[in-house]
Structure formats: C-alpha cells, structure tokens
Protein backbone atom coordinates (compact mmCIF):
# COMPACT_ATOMS: atom_id res chain seq x y z
CA THR A 1 0.66 286.42 143.20
CA VAL A 2 1.63 287.08 139.59
CA ASP A 3 -1.99 286.83 138.44
CA GLY A 4 -2.92 289.49 141.03
CA ILE A 5 -0.14 291.75 139.84
CA LYS A 6 -1.22 291.39 136.19
CA ALA A 7 -4.81 292.16 137.16
CA ALA A 8 -3.69 295.33 138.96
CA LEU A 9 -1.54 296.60 136.09
CA PRO A 10 -4.42 298.31 134.14
CA GLN A 11 -5.49 300.20 137.30
CA LEU A 12 -1.92 301.19 137.98
CA HIS A 13 -1.38 302.33 134.40
CA ALA A 14 -4.50 304.51 134.58
CA SER A 15 -3.20 306.28 137.67
CA ILE A 16 0.11 307.43 136.17
CA ASP A 17 1.15 309.60 133.24
CA PRO A 18 -0.31 308.24 130.01
CA SER A 19 3.05 308.73 128.32
CA ILE A 20 4.56 306.06 130.58
CA ASN A 21 4.29 302.52 129.34
CA LEU A 22 4.17 299.54 131.69
CA LEU A 23 5.76 296.40 130.25
CA THR A 24 6.48 293.02 131.73
CA THR A 25 10.19 292.54 131.23
CA LEU A 26 10.57 289.24 133.11
CA ASP A 27 8.02 286.59 134.11
CA GLN A 28 9.60 283.45 135.57
CA THR A 29 6.16 281.95 136.18
CA ILE A 30 5.96 280.90 132.57
CA THR A 31 8.47 278.07 133.11
CA ILE A 32 7.02 277.35 136.54
CA ARG A 33 3.53 276.98 135.18
CA ALA A 34 4.84 274.71 132.36
CA SER A 35 6.63 272.52 134.89
CA VAL A 36 3.50 272.25 137.07
CA ARG A 37 1.34 271.34 134.04
CA THR A 38 3.87 268.69 133.06
CA VAL A 39 3.79 267.18 136.54
CA GLU A 40 0.02 267.23 136.56
CA ARG A 41 -0.12 265.37 133.24
CA THR A 42 2.42 262.88 134.61
CA LEU A 43 0.26 262.34 137.64
CA ALA A 44 -2.82 261.67 135.50
CA VAL A 45 -0.91 259.34 133.18
CA SER A 46 0.57 257.41 136.13
CA VAL A 47 -2.88 256.91 137.65
CA LEU A 48 -4.27 255.63 134.27
CA LEU A 49 -1.30 253.27 133.84
CA VAL A 50 -1.71 251.90 137.34
CA ILE A 51 -5.37 251.19 136.66
CA LEU A 52 -4.51 249.60 133.30
CA VAL A 53 -1.90 247.30 134.82
CA VAL A 54 -4.30 246.26 137.55
CA PHE A 55 -6.93 245.43 134.94
CA VAL A 56 -4.48 243.37 132.86
CA PHE A 57 -3.61 241.18 135.80
CA LEU A 58 -6.96 240.99 137.54
CA ARG A 59 -8.90 240.64 134.25
CA ASN A 60 -12.09 241.71 135.96
CA TRP A 61 -13.62 245.16 135.60
CA ARG A 62 -15.44 244.92 138.94
CA ALA A 63 -12.26 244.12 140.83
CA THR A 64 -10.34 246.79 138.89
CA LEU A 65 -12.93 249.37 139.87
CA ILE A 66 -11.95 249.02 143.53
CA PRO A 67 -8.28 250.15 143.31
CA ALA A 68 -9.25 252.56 140.51
CA ILE A 69 -11.42 254.38 143.06
CA ALA A 70 -9.00 253.97 145.94
CA VAL A 71 -6.18 255.77 144.10
CA PRO A 72 -7.93 259.11 143.37
CA VAL A 73 -9.71 259.05 146.74
CA SER A 74 -6.31 258.78 148.49
CA ILE A 75 -4.83 261.56 146.37
CA ILE A 76 -7.83 263.83 147.00
CA GLY A 77 -7.62 263.14 150.74
CA THR A 78 -3.94 264.06 150.59
CA CYS A 79 -4.75 267.36 148.90
CA GLY A 80 -7.16 268.09 151.77
CA ALA A 81 -4.38 267.46 154.29
CA MET A 82 -2.01 269.63 152.25
CA ASP A 83 -4.47 272.45 152.53
CA LEU A 84 -4.67 272.05 156.33
CA PHE A 85 -0.85 272.15 156.53
CA GLY A 86 -0.74 275.23 154.32
CA PHE A 87 1.15 273.51 151.49
CA SER A 88 0.83 274.76 147.91
CA ILE A 89 0.63 272.89 144.63
CA ASP A 90 4.20 273.10 143.41
CA ASN A 91 6.72 270.77 141.76
CA LEU A 92 7.75 269.06 145.00
CA SER A 93 4.27 268.33 146.24
CA LEU A 94 3.13 267.18 142.78
CA MET A 95 6.21 264.98 142.51
CA ALA A 96 5.33 263.42 145.88
CA LEU A 97 1.78 262.72 144.64
CA THR A 98 3.13 261.19 141.42
CA ILE A 99 5.55 258.90 143.30
CA SER A 100 2.84 257.91 145.76
CA THR A 101 0.54 256.40 143.13
CA GLY A 102 2.51 253.13 143.32
CA PHE A 103 2.35 253.10 147.05
CA VAL A 104 -1.31 253.95 147.10
CA VAL A 105 -2.43 251.14 144.83
CA ASP A 106 -0.32 248.52 146.69
CA ASP A 107 -2.44 248.60 149.85
CA ALA A 108 -5.69 248.32 147.89
CA ILE A 109 -4.41 245.41 145.79
CA VAL A 110 -3.15 243.48 148.81
CA VAL A 111 -6.52 243.81 150.59
CA LEU A 112 -8.42 243.07 147.40
CA GLU A 113 -6.40 239.91 146.65
CA ASN A 114 -6.86 238.55 150.15
CA ILE A 115 -10.59 239.17 150.12
CA SER A 116 -10.86 237.65 146.63
CA ARG A 117 -9.13 234.55 147.90
CA TYR A 118 -11.72 234.03 150.59
CA ARG A 119 -14.44 234.74 148.05
CA GLU A 120 -13.16 232.07 145.67
CA ASN A 121 -13.17 229.57 148.53
CA GLY A 122 -16.92 229.88 148.74
CA MET A 123 -17.30 232.44 151.53
CA SER A 124 -19.98 235.08 151.22
CA ALA A 125 -18.92 238.53 150.05
CA MET A 126 -19.56 240.18 153.40
CA ASP A 127 -17.80 237.51 155.41
CA ALA A 128 -14.93 237.44 152.98
CA ALA A 129 -14.52 241.23 153.29
CA ARG A 130 -14.49 240.97 157.10
CA ALA A 131 -12.08 238.01 157.26
CA GLY A 132 -9.76 239.28 154.53
CA ALA A 133 -9.48 242.78 155.96
CA ALA A 134 -8.96 241.51 159.51
CA GLU A 135 -6.23 239.14 158.39
CA ILE A 136 -4.31 241.47 156.15
CA GLY A 137 -4.86 244.65 158.27
CA PRO A 138 -1.78 244.28 160.47
CA THR A 139 0.37 243.66 157.43
CA VAL A 140 -0.89 246.74 155.64
CA LEU A 141 -0.35 248.77 158.82
CA SER A 142 3.22 247.56 159.23
CA ILE A 143 4.02 248.25 155.57
CA SER A 144 2.65 251.76 155.72
CA ILE A 145 4.53 252.54 158.99
CA SER A 146 7.76 251.21 157.52
CA LEU A 147 7.35 253.33 154.41
CA VAL A 148 6.64 256.48 156.44
CA SER A 149 9.64 255.81 158.68
CA VAL A 150 11.91 256.08 155.63
CA PHE A 151 11.02 259.71 155.27
CA ILE A 152 11.71 260.64 158.89
CA PRO A 153 15.39 261.61 158.16
CA ILE A 154 14.11 263.99 155.50
CA LEU A 155 11.74 265.57 158.02
CA MET A 156 14.70 266.07 160.36
CA MET A 157 16.88 267.82 157.76
CA GLY A 158 17.81 271.42 158.46
CA GLY A 159 18.69 274.36 156.30
CA ILE A 160 17.12 275.41 153.03
CA VAL A 161 17.27 271.89 151.59
CA GLY A 162 15.38 270.55 154.62
CA ARG A 163 12.68 273.20 154.28
CA LEU A 164 12.28 272.45 150.62
CA PHE A 165 12.07 268.65 150.95
CA ARG A 166 10.05 268.69 154.20
CA GLU A 167 6.92 269.47 152.17
CA PHE A 168 7.80 266.59 149.85
CA ALA A 169 8.28 264.12 152.74
CA VAL A 170 5.11 265.24 154.60
CA THR A 171 3.02 264.98 151.43
CA LEU A 172 4.27 261.53 150.64
CA SER A 173 3.84 260.33 154.23
CA VAL A 174 0.30 261.66 154.41
CA THR A 175 -0.54 259.96 151.09
CA ILE A 176 0.68 256.65 152.42
CA MET A 177 -1.32 256.95 155.66
CA VAL A 178 -4.45 258.05 153.80
CA SER A 179 -4.13 255.12 151.40
CA MET A 180 -3.80 252.82 154.43
CA LEU A 181 -7.10 254.13 155.86
CA VAL A 182 -8.80 253.84 152.50
CA SER A 183 -7.57 250.26 151.95
CA LEU A 184 -8.77 249.18 155.38
CA THR A 185 -12.19 250.90 155.19
CA THR A 186 -13.33 251.76 151.71
CA THR A 187 -11.75 248.82 149.89
CA PRO A 188 -13.33 246.05 152.02
CA THR A 189 -16.67 247.84 151.79
CA MET A 190 -16.48 247.96 148.00
CA CYS A 191 -15.35 244.34 147.87
CA SER A 192 -18.44 243.31 149.86
CA ARG A 193 -20.62 245.01 147.21
CA LEU A 194 -18.82 244.75 143.90
CA LEU A 195 -17.59 241.15 144.36
CA SER A 196 -20.93 239.88 145.65
CA ARG A 197 -22.40 239.23 142.16
CA GLU A 198 -19.39 237.35 140.79
CA ARG A 199 -20.41 233.73 140.18
CA LYS A 200 -17.84 232.74 137.61
CA HIS A 201 -14.95 234.19 135.66
CA GLY A 202 -15.68 236.22 132.54
CA ARG A 203 -14.57 235.54 128.98
CA LEU A 204 -11.50 237.79 129.25
CA TYR A 205 -10.30 235.92 132.34
CA LEU A 206 -10.77 232.49 130.77
CA ALA A 207 -9.18 233.60 127.44
CA SER A 208 -5.98 234.85 129.19
CA GLU A 209 -5.77 232.09 131.81
CA LYS A 210 -3.42 229.91 129.69
CA PHE A 211 -0.96 232.80 129.36
CA PHE A 212 -0.91 233.44 133.07
CA GLN A 213 -0.59 229.78 133.85
CA PHE A 214 2.45 229.69 131.55
CA ILE A 215 3.93 232.64 133.48
CA LEU A 216 3.24 230.89 136.79
CA LYS A 217 4.83 227.62 135.69
CA THR A 218 7.85 229.46 134.33
CA TYR A 219 8.26 231.31 137.61
CA GLU A 220 7.94 228.04 139.54
CA ARG A 221 10.64 226.37 137.43
CA SER A 222 13.00 229.33 137.74
CA LEU A 223 12.42 229.54 141.49
CA GLY A 224 13.13 225.80 141.76
CA TRP A 225 16.36 226.23 139.87
CA VAL A 226 17.40 229.09 142.15
CA MET A 227 16.68 226.95 145.22
CA GLU A 228 18.74 224.03 143.84
CA HIS A 229 21.68 226.26 142.86
CA SER A 230 21.48 228.71 145.74
CA ALA A 231 25.23 228.64 146.26
CA ILE A 232 25.90 229.65 142.66
CA VAL A 233 23.28 232.46 142.87
CA LEU A 234 24.84 233.71 146.14
CA VAL A 235 28.34 233.84 144.57
CA ILE A 236 26.98 235.67 141.46
CA THR A 237 25.16 238.18 143.68
CA ILE A 238 28.22 238.89 145.83
CA ALA A 239 30.42 239.27 142.71
CA THR A 240 27.90 241.72 141.22
CA LEU A 241 27.82 243.78 144.37
CA CYS A 242 31.60 243.87 144.49
CA LEU A 243 31.80 245.07 141.00
C-alpha cells in the first residue's frame, strides 16, 4: 500500500499547484520493513543451524541432504497455503515459520533414523524405506496431531488478540501438517535413493565415532544412576517445583 502511494505521489504533485510541496511527514513502514527483514534473516539462520546440527550428529552428507530438503519444502508449502488463506507476510506469520523449523525437521529425522536402522541391518534401500515409513508413520501422525491440538485454544480466542494470533496459529498448524506429509512421502522416497549407495561409513563418521560412543556411555551411566536413585531424584524434582 505504501509503495503504491509513493508511486502515485509524482502524478499527484503534477496535478496540483507547483508552489505546493508534497512531503512524507510520517512513514511507519520503515520500522515494519526492518522488523520483517530481521525475522526473515532469523528464519534463514534457523534453517541453516538446523541443517548444521543434523549434519554434526548424522555425520553423513547424503543423510543430511534429506532433512535439508524437507525443511524448505515444508516452509514453501506453508507459504502456498498462506496464500490460499489470504494471509500476508508479517511479523506473526514469519515468527510462526521460524518457530516451526524445529517441528519440521523432527518428523524428517524420525523417519530417516528409522529407515537408516533397517538399512544398517542389511535390508535393501527400497524395502527399508517401505518398512521404516510404515512402522513410524502412525507415530509421526500422532505427534503432528498432538502438536496441532495445542494451538486449538488460540484458534478459538476472540477479540482483537484472537484475530491477531489466529494467523499465527493457523500458519504454525499448517506447517506441522505439511511437514508430516513431506516426512511420510518425500523423505522415504529420498531415503530409497540417497541411502542406496551407502556401503560403509565415511571418514568423518569413523573419526567422530569415539566421541559419540563416549557421549552414549556417559548417558547410559547417568541414566543408570537415576534409575538406582529414583527416590532421591523424585524428591529433588518435587522440591524444585515447590520452589
């Protein structure tokens, strides 16, 4: 709207007395545009960080490529749904997209990990994709539905606050549902193709395996201590909540 007004100012100025000057005394879109640009940069950085973390733990560029594609595909699909709903790119919708990057990558990683497990057990890539997706599909579906149900109260809110945050809730819910569809369709398909050539782990995986084995053993020891001293842990947890 503001861009259209600025474009029409020269024509308007030519149609009035030349002695009259037209000046913009107030333009609140400067701060709005800056806020939107900041959120866009935050969204891009969050996607890059998610992909980086996935690569650090998977230690395989082929496997990392799968969630790296699933995240932007889910976000682009959400933007298409936003256009159908008549939503605009504003701070609330961009904030919803930024928050949803963590939810989006979760589904893809869960499906990828389950398929990789079947692949490491000697199953062919295509059979592993079918078996892994069929086994983990109900879990991904239940997780996505439970996440969407959290935003139902926001959708039911009335008044100005409800109208403001309804767009946020709908955008986030659509992102979760789109990511579920991508993780159950695109992710298994990519696993059947990209994981099919993996015969052994690469140098990066083998070089960092000792570190991850150390983390695993430390976690096992700490979990064993918690199980042995469950009463103490329960008392500490209750005391912390009371404080």
